[in-house]
Amino acid sequence: MAASKIAITIDDKFLKQFDYLVKTKRFANRSKAIQDAVAEKLARLERSRLAQECAKLDAEFERSLAEEGFSAEIAEWPEY
């Protein structure tokens, strides 16, 4: 995968935490730690976007679509 260099400004508190993770071998280096953090954040945003879009759906309308065409057969189904 191609990579690009960027410069960032980061709060000293966060930098110390990143450096600790690198020092304790959780990440190979600062760059890898930041790459993983950005990738995780992007994945979370994508999942939350899907949840937001699903929340916009009308449950009753979706149910009617799912059951469309079954009305003739539903009388034949056993009661549970």
N, C-alpha and C. Protein backbone atom coordinates (compact mmCIF):
# COMPACT_ATOMS: atom_id res chain seq x y z
N MET A 1 0.85 -1.17 0.00
CA MET A 1 0.00 0.00 0.00
C MET A 1 0.89 1.23 0.00
N ALA A 2 0.53 2.20 -0.81
CA ALA A 2 1.28 3.45 -0.86
C ALA A 2 1.06 4.23 0.42
N ALA A 3 2.05 4.99 0.82
CA ALA A 3 1.95 5.78 2.04
C ALA A 3 2.43 7.20 1.75
N SER A 4 1.90 8.14 2.51
CA SER A 4 2.29 9.53 2.38
C SER A 4 2.76 10.04 3.73
N LYS A 5 3.74 10.92 3.69
CA LYS A 5 4.20 11.55 4.91
C LYS A 5 3.35 12.78 5.19
N ILE A 6 3.01 12.96 6.46
CA ILE A 6 2.29 14.16 6.88
C ILE A 6 2.91 14.66 8.17
N ALA A 7 2.65 15.89 8.48
CA ALA A 7 3.10 16.45 9.76
C ALA A 7 1.86 16.71 10.58
N ILE A 8 1.92 16.37 11.86
CA ILE A 8 0.78 16.63 12.73
C ILE A 8 1.25 17.35 13.99
N THR A 9 0.32 18.00 14.61
CA THR A 9 0.58 18.60 15.92
C THR A 9 -0.24 17.79 16.91
N ILE A 10 0.39 17.35 17.97
CA ILE A 10 -0.29 16.50 18.94
C ILE A 10 -0.01 17.00 20.35
N ASP A 11 -1.00 16.95 21.17
CA ASP A 11 -0.88 17.36 22.56
C ASP A 11 0.21 16.53 23.25
N ASP A 12 0.97 17.17 24.12
CA ASP A 12 2.06 16.46 24.82
C ASP A 12 1.56 15.25 25.59
N LYS A 13 0.38 15.36 26.17
CA LYS A 13 -0.19 14.24 26.93
C LYS A 13 -0.36 13.02 26.03
N PHE A 14 -0.93 13.23 24.83
CA PHE A 14 -1.13 12.12 23.91
C PHE A 14 0.20 11.57 23.40
N LEU A 15 1.13 12.46 23.15
CA LEU A 15 2.44 12.03 22.67
C LEU A 15 3.13 11.13 23.70
N LYS A 16 3.04 11.49 24.96
CA LYS A 16 3.62 10.65 26.02
C LYS A 16 2.96 9.28 26.04
N GLN A 17 1.65 9.25 25.84
CA GLN A 17 0.95 7.97 25.81
C GLN A 17 1.39 7.14 24.61
N PHE A 18 1.51 7.78 23.45
CA PHE A 18 2.00 7.07 22.26
C PHE A 18 3.41 6.54 22.49
N ASP A 19 4.25 7.39 23.03
CA ASP A 19 5.64 6.97 23.28
C ASP A 19 5.70 5.80 24.25
N TYR A 20 4.81 5.79 25.25
CA TYR A 20 4.78 4.67 26.19
C TYR A 20 4.39 3.38 25.46
N LEU A 21 3.41 3.47 24.57
CA LEU A 21 2.99 2.30 23.81
C LEU A 21 4.12 1.78 22.92
N VAL A 22 4.88 2.68 22.35
CA VAL A 22 6.03 2.28 21.53
C VAL A 22 7.11 1.66 22.41
N LYS A 23 7.39 2.29 23.54
CA LYS A 23 8.43 1.80 24.45
C LYS A 23 8.10 0.40 24.96
N THR A 24 6.82 0.14 25.22
CA THR A 24 6.42 -1.18 25.74
C THR A 24 6.11 -2.17 24.61
N LYS A 25 6.49 -1.81 23.39
CA LYS A 25 6.39 -2.68 22.21
C LYS A 25 4.96 -3.00 21.77
N ARG A 26 3.99 -2.15 22.18
CA ARG A 26 2.62 -2.34 21.68
C ARG A 26 2.56 -1.95 20.20
N PHE A 27 3.41 -1.00 19.80
CA PHE A 27 3.53 -0.58 18.41
C PHE A 27 5.01 -0.50 18.06
N ALA A 28 5.29 -0.69 16.80
CA ALA A 28 6.69 -0.66 16.36
C ALA A 28 7.29 0.74 16.46
N ASN A 29 6.46 1.75 16.21
CA ASN A 29 6.93 3.14 16.25
C ASN A 29 5.74 4.08 16.32
N ARG A 30 6.03 5.37 16.46
CA ARG A 30 4.96 6.37 16.54
C ARG A 30 4.07 6.33 15.30
N SER A 31 4.70 6.22 14.16
CA SER A 31 3.96 6.23 12.91
C SER A 31 2.93 5.10 12.86
N LYS A 32 3.36 3.91 13.27
CA LYS A 32 2.46 2.75 13.26
C LYS A 32 1.32 2.96 14.27
N ALA A 33 1.62 3.52 15.42
CA ALA A 33 0.60 3.79 16.43
C ALA A 33 -0.46 4.75 15.89
N ILE A 34 -0.01 5.80 15.22
CA ILE A 34 -0.95 6.78 14.69
C ILE A 34 -1.74 6.20 13.52
N GLN A 35 -1.09 5.43 12.67
CA GLN A 35 -1.80 4.78 11.57
C GLN A 35 -2.92 3.89 12.10
N ASP A 36 -2.62 3.09 13.11
CA ASP A 36 -3.63 2.20 13.68
C ASP A 36 -4.76 2.98 14.32
N ALA A 37 -4.44 4.08 15.00
CA ALA A 37 -5.46 4.90 15.64
C ALA A 37 -6.39 5.51 14.60
N VAL A 38 -5.82 6.02 13.52
CA VAL A 38 -6.64 6.62 12.45
C VAL A 38 -7.50 5.55 11.79
N ALA A 39 -6.93 4.39 11.51
CA ALA A 39 -7.70 3.31 10.88
C ALA A 39 -8.87 2.88 11.76
N GLU A 40 -8.62 2.75 13.07
CA GLU A 40 -9.69 2.37 13.99
C GLU A 40 -10.79 3.43 14.04
N LYS A 41 -10.41 4.69 14.08
CA LYS A 41 -11.40 5.77 14.12
C LYS A 41 -12.24 5.79 12.84
N LEU A 42 -11.60 5.62 11.69
CA LEU A 42 -12.33 5.59 10.43
C LEU A 42 -13.31 4.42 10.38
N ALA A 43 -12.90 3.26 10.88
CA ALA A 43 -13.78 2.09 10.91
C ALA A 43 -14.98 2.35 11.83
N ARG A 44 -14.74 2.97 12.98
CA ARG A 44 -15.85 3.29 13.89
C ARG A 44 -16.83 4.27 13.26
N LEU A 45 -16.30 5.27 12.57
CA LEU A 45 -17.17 6.24 11.90
C LEU A 45 -18.03 5.56 10.83
N GLU A 46 -17.44 4.63 10.11
CA GLU A 46 -18.17 3.93 9.06
C GLU A 46 -19.29 3.08 9.67
N ARG A 47 -19.00 2.40 10.79
CA ARG A 47 -20.04 1.59 11.45
C ARG A 47 -21.15 2.48 11.99
N SER A 48 -20.79 3.62 12.55
CA SER A 48 -21.82 4.50 13.10
C SER A 48 -22.66 5.12 11.99
N ARG A 49 -22.06 5.34 10.83
CA ARG A 49 -22.82 5.87 9.70
C ARG A 49 -23.88 4.86 9.27
N LEU A 50 -23.51 3.58 9.24
CA LEU A 50 -24.47 2.54 8.88
C LEU A 50 -25.61 2.50 9.90
N ALA A 51 -25.29 2.60 11.17
CA ALA A 51 -26.31 2.60 12.21
C ALA A 51 -27.23 3.81 12.07
N GLN A 52 -26.67 4.96 11.74
CA GLN A 52 -27.49 6.17 11.56
C GLN A 52 -28.44 6.01 10.39
N GLU A 53 -27.95 5.42 9.31
CA GLU A 53 -28.80 5.22 8.14
C GLU A 53 -29.91 4.21 8.46
N CYS A 54 -29.59 3.16 9.19
CA CYS A 54 -30.60 2.16 9.56
C CYS A 54 -31.67 2.77 10.46
N ALA A 55 -31.28 3.69 11.32
CA ALA A 55 -32.22 4.34 12.23
C ALA A 55 -33.25 5.17 11.46
N LYS A 56 -32.93 5.56 10.26
CA LYS A 56 -33.85 6.36 9.45
C LYS A 56 -34.97 5.51 8.83
N LEU A 57 -34.79 4.20 8.83
CA LEU A 57 -35.78 3.32 8.20
C LEU A 57 -37.07 3.28 9.01
N ASP A 58 -38.18 3.14 8.32
CA ASP A 58 -39.49 3.00 8.94
C ASP A 58 -39.73 1.50 9.16
N ALA A 59 -39.72 1.06 10.41
CA ALA A 59 -39.81 -0.36 10.73
C ALA A 59 -41.09 -0.99 10.17
N GLU A 60 -42.21 -0.29 10.28
CA GLU A 60 -43.48 -0.83 9.79
C GLU A 60 -43.46 -1.00 8.27
N PHE A 61 -42.91 -0.02 7.58
CA PHE A 61 -42.81 -0.11 6.12
C PHE A 61 -41.88 -1.25 5.71
N GLU A 62 -40.75 -1.39 6.39
CA GLU A 62 -39.80 -2.46 6.08
C GLU A 62 -40.44 -3.83 6.33
N ARG A 63 -41.23 -3.94 7.41
CA ARG A 63 -41.92 -5.20 7.70
C ARG A 63 -42.92 -5.52 6.60
N SER A 64 -43.65 -4.51 6.14
CA SER A 64 -44.64 -4.75 5.08
C SER A 64 -43.96 -5.20 3.79
N LEU A 65 -42.79 -4.64 3.50
CA LEU A 65 -42.04 -5.08 2.32
C LEU A 65 -41.58 -6.53 2.47
N ALA A 66 -41.11 -6.87 3.67
CA ALA A 66 -40.61 -8.23 3.91
C ALA A 66 -41.74 -9.25 3.80
N GLU A 67 -42.93 -8.87 4.20
CA GLU A 67 -44.06 -9.80 4.19
C GLU A 67 -44.87 -9.74 2.91
N GLU A 68 -44.49 -8.87 1.99
CA GLU A 68 -45.21 -8.71 0.73
C GLU A 68 -45.26 -10.04 -0.01
N GLY A 69 -46.45 -10.42 -0.44
CA GLY A 69 -46.61 -11.66 -1.19
C GLY A 69 -46.88 -12.87 -0.32
N PHE A 70 -46.76 -12.74 0.99
CA PHE A 70 -47.00 -13.86 1.89
C PHE A 70 -48.43 -13.88 2.44
N SER A 71 -49.21 -12.86 2.15
CA SER A 71 -50.54 -12.77 2.75
C SER A 71 -51.42 -13.97 2.38
N ALA A 72 -51.29 -14.49 1.17
CA ALA A 72 -52.08 -15.64 0.76
C ALA A 72 -51.62 -16.90 1.49
N GLU A 73 -50.35 -17.01 1.75
CA GLU A 73 -49.80 -18.19 2.39
C GLU A 73 -49.92 -18.16 3.91
N ILE A 74 -50.05 -16.98 4.48
CA ILE A 74 -50.01 -16.86 5.94
C ILE A 74 -51.13 -17.61 6.62
N ALA A 75 -52.27 -17.72 5.97
CA ALA A 75 -53.40 -18.46 6.55
C ALA A 75 -53.10 -19.94 6.65
N GLU A 76 -52.23 -20.45 5.81
CA GLU A 76 -51.88 -21.86 5.80
C GLU A 76 -50.82 -22.22 6.83
N TRP A 77 -50.14 -21.22 7.39
CA TRP A 77 -49.06 -21.48 8.34
C TRP A 77 -49.63 -21.87 9.70
N PRO A 78 -48.99 -22.81 10.38
CA PRO A 78 -49.48 -23.21 11.70
C PRO A 78 -49.26 -22.09 12.72
N GLU A 79 -50.10 -22.04 13.71
CA GLU A 79 -49.99 -21.06 14.80
C GLU A 79 -48.90 -21.50 15.75
N TYR A 80 -48.05 -20.60 16.21
CA TYR A 80 -46.96 -20.94 17.14
C TYR A 80 -47.29 -20.46 18.51
